[in-house]
Protein backbone atom coordinates (compact mmCIF):
# COMPACT_ATOMS: atom_id res chain seq x y z
CA UNK A 1 206.71 334.61 74.62
CA UNK A 2 208.08 337.87 75.90
CA UNK A 3 209.25 337.75 79.48
CA UNK A 4 209.00 341.01 81.38
CA UNK A 5 210.78 341.90 84.56
CA UNK A 6 208.00 343.21 86.73
CA UNK A 7 207.11 344.33 90.17
CA UNK A 8 204.25 343.09 92.15
CA UNK A 9 202.22 345.30 94.32
CA UNK A 10 199.87 343.35 96.53
CA UNK A 11 196.88 345.18 97.84
CA UNK A 12 194.59 343.54 100.32
CA UNK A 13 191.08 344.92 100.09
CA UNK A 14 188.75 344.62 103.02
CA UNK A 15 185.45 346.37 103.40
CA UNK A 16 187.32 349.50 104.45
CA UNK A 17 188.48 352.38 102.26
CA UNK A 18 191.54 353.01 104.44
CA UNK A 19 194.99 352.49 102.90
CA UNK A 20 198.28 351.60 104.54
CA UNK A 21 201.33 349.54 103.69
CA UNK A 22 205.02 349.27 102.89
CA UNK A 23 207.13 349.93 99.81
CA UNK A 24 210.54 349.35 98.28
CA UNK A 25 209.72 351.11 95.01
CA UNK A 26 212.76 352.45 93.16
CA UNK A 27 210.76 355.37 91.72
CA UNK A 28 208.60 358.08 93.25
CA UNK A 29 205.10 356.58 93.30
CA UNK A 30 201.79 357.04 95.03
CA UNK A 31 199.35 354.14 94.72
CA UNK A 32 195.91 354.48 96.31
CA UNK A 33 192.73 352.45 96.11
CA UNK A 34 189.06 353.36 96.21
CA UNK A 35 186.62 350.54 96.95
CA UNK A 36 183.20 350.90 95.26
CA UNK A 37 184.09 354.24 93.61
CA UNK A 38 180.64 354.76 92.06
CA UNK A 39 178.71 353.79 95.17
CA UNK A 40 176.72 351.33 93.04
CA UNK A 41 179.17 348.46 92.44
CA UNK A 42 180.55 347.19 95.78
CA UNK A 43 182.69 344.48 94.15
CA UNK A 44 184.77 346.97 92.16
CA UNK A 45 187.61 349.34 92.92
CA UNK A 46 189.86 351.90 91.27
CA UNK A 47 193.61 351.86 91.72
CA UNK A 48 195.23 355.26 91.21
CA UNK A 49 198.90 355.17 90.23
CA UNK A 50 200.95 358.39 90.26
CA UNK A 51 204.64 358.10 89.32
CA UNK A 52 207.51 360.30 88.21
CA UNK A 53 207.99 358.21 85.06
CA UNK A 54 205.65 356.49 82.64
CA UNK A 55 204.48 352.98 83.61
CA UNK A 56 202.10 350.27 82.41
CA UNK A 57 199.92 348.28 84.81
CA UNK A 58 198.66 344.70 84.96
CA UNK A 59 196.20 343.76 87.71
CA UNK A 60 195.27 340.32 89.03
CA UNK A 61 192.43 339.51 91.43
CA UNK A 62 193.72 336.40 93.22
CA UNK A 63 191.04 333.71 93.52
CA UNK A 64 189.90 333.14 97.07
CA UNK A 65 189.91 329.33 97.04
CA UNK A 66 193.17 328.61 95.20
CA UNK A 67 191.33 326.43 92.67
CA UNK A 68 189.53 328.81 90.32
CA UNK A 69 191.67 330.85 87.91
CA UNK A 70 192.82 334.31 88.91
CA UNK A 71 191.26 337.24 87.04
CA UNK A 72 194.01 339.15 85.22
CA UNK A 73 193.67 342.36 83.23
CA UNK A 74 196.43 344.12 81.29
CA UNK A 75 196.16 347.86 80.85
CA UNK A 76 198.25 348.93 77.87
CA UNK A 77 198.13 352.68 78.51
CA UNK A 78 201.52 354.13 79.38
CA UNK A 79 201.37 357.09 81.76
CA UNK A 80 202.45 358.89 84.92
CA UNK A 81 198.91 359.28 86.27
CA UNK A 82 196.68 356.25 85.73
CA UNK A 83 193.30 355.13 87.07
CA UNK A 84 192.98 351.37 86.74
CA UNK A 85 189.56 349.71 87.17
CA UNK A 86 189.39 346.55 89.28
CA UNK A 87 186.44 344.19 88.78
CA UNK A 88 185.69 340.72 90.09
CA UNK A 89 186.20 341.29 93.81
CA UNK A 90 184.68 338.71 96.16
CA UNK A 91 181.94 339.72 98.66
CA UNK A 92 182.69 339.37 102.39
CA UNK A 93 186.32 338.50 101.65
CA UNK A 94 189.71 340.20 102.08
CA UNK A 95 190.51 340.36 98.36
CA UNK A 96 194.13 340.25 97.24
CA UNK A 97 195.00 342.31 94.19
CA UNK A 98 198.42 341.93 92.58
CA UNK A 99 199.50 344.98 90.60
CA UNK A 100 202.43 344.66 88.24
CA UNK A 101 204.13 347.85 87.02
CA UNK A 102 206.31 347.98 83.90
CA UNK A 103 208.36 350.88 82.59
CA UNK A 104 208.36 351.51 78.84
CA UNK A 105 211.09 348.85 78.39
CA UNK A 106 209.53 346.23 80.70
CA UNK A 107 212.03 346.86 83.52
CA UNK A 108 211.07 346.21 87.16
CA UNK A 109 210.53 349.31 89.28
CA UNK A 110 210.12 347.86 92.81
CA UNK A 111 207.47 346.44 95.13
CA UNK A 112 204.65 347.89 97.21
CA UNK A 113 202.17 346.28 99.60
CA UNK A 114 199.01 348.05 100.77
CA UNK A 115 196.33 346.93 103.22
């Protein structure tokens, strides 16, 4: 099994489209979220990642009860401007999304938290 150094970006989704948060990223990055981007799927989101170097993204929707498995999706595209789909959000719940960024060697690039 390959072990990657990674960063975790935790985004807490509420029913609002407003973003805020803190960061200790070691690269220039802009990470934004859009809840229900199509207007037709309220339990989805898009995470937009803009960086000054190429990254890969893994997303995890953390289960709300601590018993069911988390929903993880790996996105293998390497890029500086990525749009990552998020599915499996819970209704009427402050969803927690963990975003892990990897550079092209698997090196950690820092941490960001958004609310």
